[in-house]
N, C-alpha and C. Protein backbone atom coordinates (compact mmCIF):
# COMPACT_ATOMS: atom_id res chain seq x y z
N MET A 1 154.78 89.88 111.63
CA MET A 1 154.78 89.82 113.08
C MET A 1 154.36 88.42 113.53
N GLN A 2 155.12 87.80 114.44
CA GLN A 2 154.80 86.47 114.91
C GLN A 2 153.70 86.53 115.96
N ALA A 3 152.96 85.43 116.06
CA ALA A 3 151.86 85.36 117.03
C ALA A 3 152.36 85.43 118.47
N THR A 4 153.60 84.99 118.71
CA THR A 4 154.13 85.00 120.07
C THR A 4 154.45 86.41 120.55
N ASN A 5 154.65 87.35 119.64
CA ASN A 5 154.98 88.72 120.02
C ASN A 5 153.74 89.59 120.23
N LEU A 6 152.57 89.08 119.93
CA LEU A 6 151.35 89.86 120.08
C LEU A 6 150.91 89.90 121.53
N THR A 7 150.40 91.05 121.95
CA THR A 7 149.81 91.13 123.29
C THR A 7 148.45 90.45 123.26
N ILE A 8 147.86 90.25 124.42
CA ILE A 8 146.55 89.60 124.47
C ILE A 8 145.50 90.42 123.74
N SER A 9 145.55 91.75 123.88
CA SER A 9 144.54 92.59 123.21
C SER A 9 144.70 92.52 121.69
N GLN A 10 145.95 92.47 121.20
CA GLN A 10 146.17 92.35 119.76
C GLN A 10 145.73 90.98 119.25
N ARG A 11 146.04 89.93 120.02
CA ARG A 11 145.62 88.58 119.64
C ARG A 11 144.10 88.48 119.62
N TYR A 12 143.44 89.14 120.57
CA TYR A 12 141.98 89.11 120.61
C TYR A 12 141.41 89.73 119.33
N GLU A 13 141.91 90.90 118.97
CA GLU A 13 141.40 91.60 117.78
C GLU A 13 141.69 90.85 116.48
N LYS A 14 142.90 90.29 116.35
CA LYS A 14 143.32 89.68 115.08
C LYS A 14 142.88 88.23 114.91
N GLU A 15 142.88 87.44 116.00
CA GLU A 15 142.62 86.01 115.86
C GLU A 15 141.38 85.54 116.62
N ILE A 16 141.36 85.84 117.90
CA ILE A 16 140.37 85.25 118.80
C ILE A 16 138.94 85.67 118.46
N LYS A 17 138.75 86.93 118.10
CA LYS A 17 137.42 87.45 117.79
C LYS A 17 136.75 86.65 116.67
N SER A 18 137.48 86.44 115.58
CA SER A 18 136.91 85.71 114.45
C SER A 18 136.71 84.22 114.78
N GLN A 19 137.64 83.63 115.56
CA GLN A 19 137.48 82.23 115.97
C GLN A 19 136.23 82.06 116.82
N LEU A 20 136.04 82.95 117.79
CA LEU A 20 134.86 82.87 118.66
C LEU A 20 133.57 83.07 117.87
N LYS A 21 133.60 83.97 116.89
CA LYS A 21 132.41 84.23 116.09
C LYS A 21 131.96 82.95 115.38
N SER A 22 132.91 82.23 114.78
CA SER A 22 132.55 81.01 114.07
C SER A 22 132.21 79.87 115.05
N GLU A 23 132.96 79.72 116.14
CA GLU A 23 132.70 78.65 117.10
C GLU A 23 131.35 78.79 117.80
N LEU A 24 130.98 80.02 118.11
CA LEU A 24 129.72 80.25 118.82
C LEU A 24 128.54 80.41 117.86
N GLY A 25 128.81 80.44 116.55
CA GLY A 25 127.75 80.56 115.56
C GLY A 25 127.07 81.91 115.57
N LEU A 26 127.85 82.97 115.81
CA LEU A 26 127.28 84.31 115.87
C LEU A 26 127.28 84.94 114.49
N GLU A 27 126.27 85.75 114.21
CA GLU A 27 126.16 86.39 112.91
C GLU A 27 126.89 87.72 112.86
N ASN A 28 126.87 88.46 113.96
CA ASN A 28 127.45 89.80 113.99
C ASN A 28 128.72 89.80 114.83
N ILE A 29 129.76 90.46 114.36
CA ILE A 29 131.04 90.52 115.07
C ILE A 29 130.90 91.23 116.42
N PHE A 30 129.89 92.09 116.55
CA PHE A 30 129.68 92.82 117.80
C PHE A 30 129.04 91.95 118.89
N GLU A 31 128.56 90.76 118.52
CA GLU A 31 128.00 89.83 119.49
C GLU A 31 129.08 89.00 120.19
N VAL A 32 130.28 89.03 119.65
CA VAL A 32 131.38 88.23 120.21
C VAL A 32 131.71 88.71 121.62
N PRO A 33 131.81 87.78 122.59
CA PRO A 33 132.12 88.20 123.96
C PRO A 33 133.50 88.84 124.08
N LYS A 34 133.62 89.77 125.00
CA LYS A 34 134.90 90.45 125.23
C LYS A 34 135.04 90.77 126.71
N LEU A 35 136.25 91.10 127.11
CA LEU A 35 136.48 91.54 128.49
C LEU A 35 135.97 92.97 128.61
N ARG A 36 135.17 93.25 129.64
CA ARG A 36 134.70 94.62 129.88
C ARG A 36 135.57 95.33 130.90
N LYS A 37 135.77 94.66 132.05
CA LYS A 37 136.55 95.28 133.12
C LYS A 37 137.01 94.21 134.10
N ILE A 38 138.01 94.56 134.89
CA ILE A 38 138.47 93.71 135.98
C ILE A 38 138.42 94.56 137.24
N VAL A 39 137.65 94.11 138.22
CA VAL A 39 137.53 94.82 139.50
C VAL A 39 138.37 94.06 140.52
N ILE A 40 139.29 94.77 141.16
CA ILE A 40 140.17 94.17 142.15
C ILE A 40 139.88 94.82 143.48
N ASN A 41 139.65 94.00 144.51
CA ASN A 41 139.42 94.58 145.82
C ASN A 41 140.09 93.74 146.89
N SER A 42 140.34 94.39 148.00
CA SER A 42 140.96 93.74 149.15
C SER A 42 140.28 94.27 150.40
N ARG A 43 139.86 93.37 151.26
CA ARG A 43 139.25 93.81 152.51
C ARG A 43 140.32 93.79 153.59
N LEU A 44 140.15 94.64 154.58
CA LEU A 44 141.20 94.82 155.59
C LEU A 44 141.14 93.80 156.72
N GLY A 45 139.97 93.35 157.10
CA GLY A 45 139.86 92.31 158.11
C GLY A 45 140.48 92.69 159.44
N SER A 46 141.56 92.01 159.82
CA SER A 46 142.15 92.19 161.15
C SER A 46 142.96 93.48 161.29
N ILE A 47 143.19 94.21 160.21
CA ILE A 47 143.99 95.44 160.30
C ILE A 47 143.13 96.70 160.14
N LEU A 48 141.85 96.60 160.52
CA LEU A 48 140.93 97.74 160.39
C LEU A 48 141.41 99.00 161.10
N ASP A 49 142.03 98.84 162.26
CA ASP A 49 142.43 100.01 163.05
C ASP A 49 143.88 100.43 162.82
N ASP A 50 144.62 99.70 162.03
CA ASP A 50 146.04 99.97 161.80
C ASP A 50 146.21 100.81 160.52
N LYS A 51 146.37 102.13 160.68
CA LYS A 51 146.46 103.05 159.53
C LYS A 51 147.69 102.75 158.66
N LYS A 52 148.81 102.42 159.29
CA LYS A 52 150.03 102.14 158.54
C LYS A 52 149.86 100.89 157.67
N ALA A 53 149.23 99.86 158.22
CA ALA A 53 148.98 98.63 157.47
C ALA A 53 147.99 98.89 156.32
N GLN A 54 147.02 99.79 156.55
CA GLN A 54 146.08 100.15 155.49
C GLN A 54 146.80 100.82 154.32
N GLU A 55 147.76 101.69 154.65
CA GLU A 55 148.55 102.35 153.60
C GLU A 55 149.35 101.34 152.80
N VAL A 56 149.89 100.32 153.49
CA VAL A 56 150.66 99.27 152.81
C VAL A 56 149.76 98.50 151.85
N VAL A 57 148.54 98.17 152.28
CA VAL A 57 147.59 97.45 151.42
C VAL A 57 147.25 98.29 150.19
N ALA A 58 146.94 99.57 150.39
CA ALA A 58 146.61 100.46 149.27
C ALA A 58 147.80 100.59 148.32
N ASP A 59 149.00 100.71 148.88
CA ASP A 59 150.21 100.81 148.07
C ASP A 59 150.45 99.53 147.26
N ASN A 60 150.23 98.38 147.89
CA ASN A 60 150.41 97.10 147.19
C ASN A 60 149.42 96.94 146.03
N ILE A 61 148.17 97.34 146.24
CA ILE A 61 147.19 97.27 145.16
C ILE A 61 147.59 98.21 144.03
N ALA A 62 148.09 99.40 144.38
CA ALA A 62 148.55 100.35 143.36
C ALA A 62 149.72 99.78 142.57
N LYS A 63 150.65 99.10 143.25
CA LYS A 63 151.79 98.49 142.56
C LYS A 63 151.33 97.39 141.60
N VAL A 64 150.40 96.58 142.04
CA VAL A 64 149.93 95.44 141.26
C VAL A 64 149.13 95.89 140.04
N THR A 65 148.26 96.90 140.22
CA THR A 65 147.34 97.29 139.15
C THR A 65 147.83 98.47 138.31
N GLY A 66 148.71 99.28 138.87
CA GLY A 66 149.17 100.45 138.14
C GLY A 66 148.27 101.67 138.31
N GLN A 67 147.30 101.59 139.19
CA GLN A 67 146.47 102.76 139.49
C GLN A 67 146.06 102.75 140.95
N LYS A 68 145.82 103.95 141.48
CA LYS A 68 145.54 104.12 142.90
C LYS A 68 144.14 103.58 143.23
N PRO A 69 144.03 102.75 144.28
CA PRO A 69 142.72 102.23 144.65
C PRO A 69 141.92 103.24 145.46
N ILE A 70 140.60 103.08 145.45
CA ILE A 70 139.75 103.93 146.28
C ILE A 70 139.34 103.13 147.53
N PRO A 71 139.21 103.81 148.67
CA PRO A 71 138.80 103.10 149.88
C PRO A 71 137.31 102.76 149.82
N THR A 72 136.94 101.58 150.30
CA THR A 72 135.53 101.22 150.43
C THR A 72 135.17 101.37 151.89
N LYS A 73 134.02 101.96 152.14
CA LYS A 73 133.62 102.27 153.51
C LYS A 73 132.39 101.45 153.91
N ALA A 74 132.27 101.19 155.20
CA ALA A 74 131.14 100.43 155.73
C ALA A 74 129.86 101.24 155.57
N LYS A 75 128.81 100.58 155.06
CA LYS A 75 127.53 101.26 154.88
C LYS A 75 126.76 101.38 156.18
N SER A 76 126.99 100.42 157.07
CA SER A 76 126.31 100.46 158.37
C SER A 76 127.23 99.90 159.45
N ALA A 77 126.93 100.22 160.69
CA ALA A 77 127.74 99.74 161.81
C ALA A 77 127.40 98.29 162.13
N ILE A 78 128.44 97.50 162.43
CA ILE A 78 128.26 96.11 162.84
C ILE A 78 129.04 95.92 164.13
N ALA A 79 128.33 95.90 165.25
CA ALA A 79 128.97 95.86 166.56
C ALA A 79 129.80 94.60 166.77
N GLY A 80 129.33 93.47 166.28
CA GLY A 80 130.05 92.20 166.45
C GLY A 80 131.43 92.20 165.83
N PHE A 81 131.62 92.98 164.76
CA PHE A 81 132.92 93.08 164.10
C PHE A 81 133.65 94.37 164.42
N LYS A 82 133.08 95.16 165.33
CA LYS A 82 133.65 96.45 165.73
C LYS A 82 133.85 97.38 164.53
N ILE A 83 132.83 97.43 163.67
CA ILE A 83 132.87 98.28 162.48
C ILE A 83 131.88 99.42 162.67
N ARG A 84 132.35 100.65 162.42
CA ARG A 84 131.50 101.83 162.50
C ARG A 84 131.08 102.25 161.09
N LYS A 85 129.94 102.90 161.00
CA LYS A 85 129.46 103.39 159.71
C LYS A 85 130.47 104.40 159.16
N GLY A 86 130.84 104.25 157.89
CA GLY A 86 131.78 105.16 157.25
C GLY A 86 133.25 104.79 157.45
N GLN A 87 133.52 103.75 158.21
CA GLN A 87 134.91 103.32 158.44
C GLN A 87 135.44 102.60 157.20
N VAL A 88 136.72 102.83 156.88
CA VAL A 88 137.35 102.17 155.74
C VAL A 88 137.49 100.68 156.05
N VAL A 89 136.89 99.83 155.20
CA VAL A 89 136.95 98.38 155.41
C VAL A 89 137.69 97.65 154.29
N GLY A 90 138.13 98.39 153.27
CA GLY A 90 138.86 97.78 152.17
C GLY A 90 139.23 98.80 151.11
N PHE A 91 139.83 98.29 150.04
CA PHE A 91 140.21 99.12 148.90
C PHE A 91 139.83 98.40 147.62
N LYS A 92 139.48 99.18 146.58
CA LYS A 92 139.15 98.56 145.30
C LYS A 92 139.60 99.45 144.16
N THR A 93 139.79 98.82 143.02
CA THR A 93 140.11 99.55 141.80
C THR A 93 139.51 98.81 140.62
N THR A 94 139.15 99.55 139.58
CA THR A 94 138.57 98.96 138.38
C THR A 94 139.50 99.22 137.20
N LEU A 95 139.86 98.16 136.51
CA LEU A 95 140.75 98.27 135.36
C LEU A 95 139.94 98.11 134.07
N ARG A 96 140.21 98.97 133.11
CA ARG A 96 139.59 98.88 131.79
C ARG A 96 140.66 99.16 130.74
N GLY A 97 140.37 98.79 129.52
CA GLY A 97 141.26 99.11 128.41
C GLY A 97 142.62 98.45 128.49
N LYS A 98 143.67 99.22 128.17
CA LYS A 98 145.04 98.69 128.11
C LYS A 98 145.50 98.14 129.46
N LYS A 99 145.23 98.85 130.54
CA LYS A 99 145.64 98.37 131.87
C LYS A 99 144.97 97.05 132.22
N MET A 100 143.73 96.88 131.79
CA MET A 100 143.01 95.63 132.04
C MET A 100 143.70 94.47 131.32
N PHE A 101 144.01 94.66 130.03
CA PHE A 101 144.66 93.60 129.27
C PHE A 101 146.07 93.32 129.79
N ASP A 102 146.81 94.37 130.17
CA ASP A 102 148.15 94.17 130.73
C ASP A 102 148.08 93.37 132.03
N PHE A 103 147.13 93.71 132.90
CA PHE A 103 146.97 93.00 134.17
C PHE A 103 146.57 91.54 133.91
N PHE A 104 145.65 91.32 132.98
CA PHE A 104 145.20 89.96 132.66
C PHE A 104 146.36 89.12 132.15
N GLN A 105 147.16 89.72 131.26
CA GLN A 105 148.31 88.99 130.70
C GLN A 105 149.30 88.63 131.81
N LYS A 106 149.57 89.58 132.72
CA LYS A 106 150.48 89.32 133.84
C LYS A 106 149.92 88.22 134.73
N MET A 107 148.62 88.27 134.98
CA MET A 107 148.01 87.27 135.86
C MET A 107 148.11 85.86 135.25
N VAL A 108 147.82 85.74 133.96
CA VAL A 108 147.82 84.44 133.30
C VAL A 108 149.24 83.89 133.12
N SER A 109 150.18 84.76 132.77
CA SER A 109 151.52 84.26 132.45
C SER A 109 152.49 84.24 133.62
N VAL A 110 152.26 85.05 134.66
CA VAL A 110 153.21 85.12 135.78
C VAL A 110 152.59 84.66 137.10
N VAL A 111 151.46 85.22 137.46
CA VAL A 111 150.89 85.01 138.80
C VAL A 111 150.32 83.60 138.98
N LEU A 112 149.44 83.16 138.07
CA LEU A 112 148.83 81.84 138.24
C LEU A 112 149.86 80.71 138.24
N PRO A 113 150.88 80.74 137.38
CA PRO A 113 151.91 79.68 137.45
C PRO A 113 152.71 79.69 138.76
N ARG A 114 152.77 80.82 139.46
CA ARG A 114 153.50 80.90 140.73
C ARG A 114 152.73 80.30 141.90
N LEU A 115 151.45 80.07 141.73
CA LEU A 115 150.63 79.51 142.81
C LEU A 115 151.02 78.06 143.08
N ARG A 116 151.18 77.74 144.35
CA ARG A 116 151.51 76.37 144.74
C ARG A 116 150.29 75.48 144.55
N ASP A 117 150.49 74.30 144.01
CA ASP A 117 149.43 73.30 143.79
C ASP A 117 148.29 73.85 142.93
N PHE A 118 148.60 74.71 141.98
CA PHE A 118 147.57 75.28 141.11
C PHE A 118 147.29 74.32 139.96
N ARG A 119 146.03 73.92 139.82
CA ARG A 119 145.65 72.99 138.76
C ARG A 119 144.68 73.63 137.77
N GLY A 120 144.50 74.91 137.87
CA GLY A 120 143.58 75.62 136.99
C GLY A 120 142.48 76.29 137.78
N VAL A 121 141.85 77.26 137.15
CA VAL A 121 140.75 77.99 137.78
C VAL A 121 139.52 77.08 137.81
N LYS A 122 138.83 77.05 138.92
CA LYS A 122 137.64 76.20 139.07
C LYS A 122 136.50 76.72 138.20
N LYS A 123 135.77 75.79 137.59
CA LYS A 123 134.63 76.17 136.76
C LYS A 123 133.49 76.75 137.59
N ALA A 124 133.47 76.43 138.89
CA ALA A 124 132.44 76.96 139.79
C ALA A 124 132.64 78.44 140.08
N SER A 125 133.76 79.02 139.63
CA SER A 125 134.04 80.43 139.86
C SER A 125 133.17 81.35 139.00
N PHE A 126 132.48 80.79 138.00
CA PHE A 126 131.63 81.58 137.12
C PHE A 126 130.27 81.83 137.74
N ASP A 127 129.69 83.00 137.42
CA ASP A 127 128.28 83.20 137.75
C ASP A 127 127.48 82.95 136.47
N LYS A 128 126.16 83.02 136.55
CA LYS A 128 125.32 82.69 135.40
C LYS A 128 125.43 83.71 134.26
N ASN A 129 125.95 84.90 134.55
CA ASN A 129 126.05 85.95 133.54
C ASN A 129 127.38 85.97 132.80
N GLY A 130 128.27 85.02 133.09
CA GLY A 130 129.54 84.96 132.39
C GLY A 130 130.65 85.76 133.02
N ASN A 131 130.53 86.09 134.29
CA ASN A 131 131.61 86.77 135.01
C ASN A 131 132.31 85.73 135.88
N ILE A 132 133.59 85.96 136.16
CA ILE A 132 134.35 85.00 136.96
C ILE A 132 134.97 85.72 138.15
N SER A 133 134.99 85.03 139.27
CA SER A 133 135.54 85.59 140.50
C SER A 133 136.70 84.70 140.96
N ILE A 134 137.86 85.33 141.19
CA ILE A 134 139.05 84.60 141.61
C ILE A 134 139.60 85.29 142.86
N SER A 135 140.01 84.49 143.84
CA SER A 135 140.58 85.04 145.07
C SER A 135 141.99 84.52 145.28
N PHE A 136 142.84 85.38 145.80
CA PHE A 136 144.20 85.01 146.19
C PHE A 136 144.31 85.26 147.69
N SER A 137 144.85 84.30 148.43
CA SER A 137 144.94 84.46 149.88
C SER A 137 146.04 85.44 150.29
N GLU A 138 147.04 85.61 149.43
CA GLU A 138 148.11 86.56 149.72
C GLU A 138 148.38 87.40 148.49
N ILE A 139 148.67 88.68 148.72
CA ILE A 139 148.93 89.59 147.61
C ILE A 139 150.38 89.48 147.13
N ASN A 140 151.25 88.86 147.95
CA ASN A 140 152.67 88.83 147.59
C ASN A 140 153.01 87.79 146.52
N ILE A 141 152.01 87.14 145.90
CA ILE A 141 152.29 86.28 144.76
C ILE A 141 152.53 87.10 143.50
N PHE A 142 152.18 88.38 143.55
CA PHE A 142 152.45 89.27 142.44
C PHE A 142 153.92 89.70 142.51
N PRO A 143 154.62 89.77 141.39
CA PRO A 143 156.05 90.08 141.42
C PRO A 143 156.38 91.49 141.93
N GLU A 144 155.44 92.42 141.86
CA GLU A 144 155.70 93.79 142.30
C GLU A 144 155.69 93.95 143.81
N VAL A 145 155.08 93.00 144.51
CA VAL A 145 154.92 93.10 145.96
C VAL A 145 155.97 92.24 146.66
N GLU A 146 156.71 92.87 147.55
CA GLU A 146 157.73 92.14 148.31
C GLU A 146 157.17 91.75 149.66
N TYR A 147 157.52 90.54 150.11
CA TYR A 147 157.07 90.07 151.42
C TYR A 147 157.96 90.67 152.49
N THR A 148 157.34 91.28 153.49
CA THR A 148 158.07 91.83 154.63
C THR A 148 157.72 91.00 155.85
N LYS A 149 158.73 90.49 156.52
CA LYS A 149 158.49 89.63 157.69
C LYS A 149 157.77 90.43 158.78
N GLY A 150 156.77 89.81 159.37
CA GLY A 150 156.01 90.46 160.43
C GLY A 150 154.82 91.25 159.92
N GLU A 151 154.77 91.49 158.62
CA GLU A 151 153.67 92.25 158.02
C GLU A 151 152.45 91.34 157.87
N LYS A 152 151.29 91.82 158.27
CA LYS A 152 150.07 91.02 158.12
C LYS A 152 149.68 90.99 156.65
N GLN A 153 149.42 89.79 156.16
CA GLN A 153 149.06 89.62 154.76
C GLN A 153 147.56 89.74 154.56
N THR A 154 147.18 90.42 153.51
CA THR A 154 145.77 90.50 153.14
C THR A 154 145.59 89.80 151.80
N GLY A 155 144.40 89.35 151.55
CA GLY A 155 144.11 88.68 150.30
C GLY A 155 143.69 89.67 149.23
N LEU A 156 143.34 89.13 148.09
CA LEU A 156 142.95 89.95 146.96
C LEU A 156 141.83 89.21 146.23
N GLN A 157 140.74 89.90 145.97
CA GLN A 157 139.65 89.31 145.20
C GLN A 157 139.58 90.02 143.85
N MET A 158 139.27 89.24 142.82
CA MET A 158 139.25 89.80 141.48
C MET A 158 138.01 89.30 140.76
N ILE A 159 137.28 90.21 140.15
CA ILE A 159 136.11 89.85 139.36
C ILE A 159 136.38 90.27 137.92
N ILE A 160 136.35 89.30 137.02
CA ILE A 160 136.55 89.58 135.60
C ILE A 160 135.17 89.63 134.97
N ASN A 161 134.80 90.81 134.48
CA ASN A 161 133.49 91.05 133.90
C ASN A 161 133.60 90.93 132.39
N THR A 162 132.77 90.04 131.79
CA THR A 162 132.78 89.86 130.34
C THR A 162 131.41 90.23 129.78
N SER A 163 131.36 90.38 128.47
CA SER A 163 130.08 90.67 127.82
C SER A 163 129.39 89.38 127.37
N ALA A 164 129.90 88.23 127.81
CA ALA A 164 129.31 86.94 127.44
C ALA A 164 127.90 86.80 128.00
N LYS A 165 127.07 86.06 127.28
CA LYS A 165 125.68 85.88 127.70
C LYS A 165 125.53 84.79 128.75
N ASN A 166 126.50 83.86 128.80
CA ASN A 166 126.41 82.75 129.75
C ASN A 166 127.81 82.23 130.10
N LYS A 167 127.85 81.23 130.99
CA LYS A 167 129.11 80.66 131.47
C LYS A 167 129.95 80.08 130.33
N GLU A 168 129.30 79.36 129.43
CA GLU A 168 130.02 78.65 128.37
C GLU A 168 130.75 79.63 127.44
N GLU A 169 130.06 80.71 127.05
CA GLU A 169 130.70 81.71 126.19
C GLU A 169 131.88 82.35 126.91
N ALA A 170 131.70 82.68 128.18
CA ALA A 170 132.78 83.31 128.96
C ALA A 170 133.97 82.38 129.10
N LYS A 171 133.71 81.10 129.33
CA LYS A 171 134.79 80.12 129.48
C LYS A 171 135.59 80.00 128.18
N LYS A 172 134.88 79.95 127.04
CA LYS A 172 135.57 79.88 125.75
C LYS A 172 136.45 81.11 125.53
N LEU A 173 135.91 82.29 125.84
CA LEU A 173 136.66 83.53 125.69
C LEU A 173 137.93 83.50 126.54
N LEU A 174 137.78 83.18 127.82
CA LEU A 174 138.93 83.20 128.72
C LEU A 174 139.94 82.10 128.38
N GLU A 175 139.48 80.95 127.90
CA GLU A 175 140.41 79.90 127.47
C GLU A 175 141.24 80.38 126.28
N LYS A 176 140.58 81.05 125.34
CA LYS A 176 141.30 81.57 124.16
C LYS A 176 142.30 82.65 124.57
N LEU A 177 141.97 83.41 125.62
CA LEU A 177 142.88 84.46 126.10
C LEU A 177 144.03 83.88 126.94
N GLY A 178 143.97 82.58 127.25
CA GLY A 178 145.09 81.94 127.93
C GLY A 178 144.87 81.55 129.37
N MET A 179 143.66 81.69 129.89
CA MET A 179 143.42 81.33 131.29
C MET A 179 143.28 79.81 131.41
N PRO A 180 144.06 79.20 132.32
CA PRO A 180 143.96 77.74 132.51
C PRO A 180 142.78 77.38 133.41
N PHE A 181 142.02 76.36 133.02
CA PHE A 181 140.88 75.89 133.81
C PHE A 181 141.13 74.46 134.27
N GLU A 182 140.48 74.09 135.38
CA GLU A 182 140.57 72.73 135.90
C GLU A 182 140.05 71.75 134.88
N LYS A 183 140.68 70.61 134.81
CA LYS A 183 140.25 69.58 133.86
C LYS A 183 139.06 68.83 134.41
């Protein structure tokens, strides 16, 4: 089997895991950082009161991720934003296992190259625990979502959770998995 035909999860198990173990100087194979989950969420913003637009957002997230998102509700009322307690303010979904790796592969090989003026993911996107946060201003950069004229566009936020102990380990893991970073 050629290396080009392997999925990201297969490449991780066969090649990347052992490379990371030696590069990071780890003694146990279970210490090697790995992807835990990808949390995808979208806030509604200006379409809070538009039920039809909310359904479109939920449907788009379902198309992109392959699973139905759950609505996120306001914990408290905020009069300045006209938000009531319990009102739906966004949608989120958590990907694990095969769906997580499939989504990551699609993001790295299809979505990121489609971004205009994309020079790589910023290193400032990492937190101190080795997780990375990436935002897209429009959801229609994903191939499954079609742009409809007149439709209000919502963004998409994505948090990639790793088992890495720090930023450097997480960056090495994601670089090996194919994520491009700013030079």
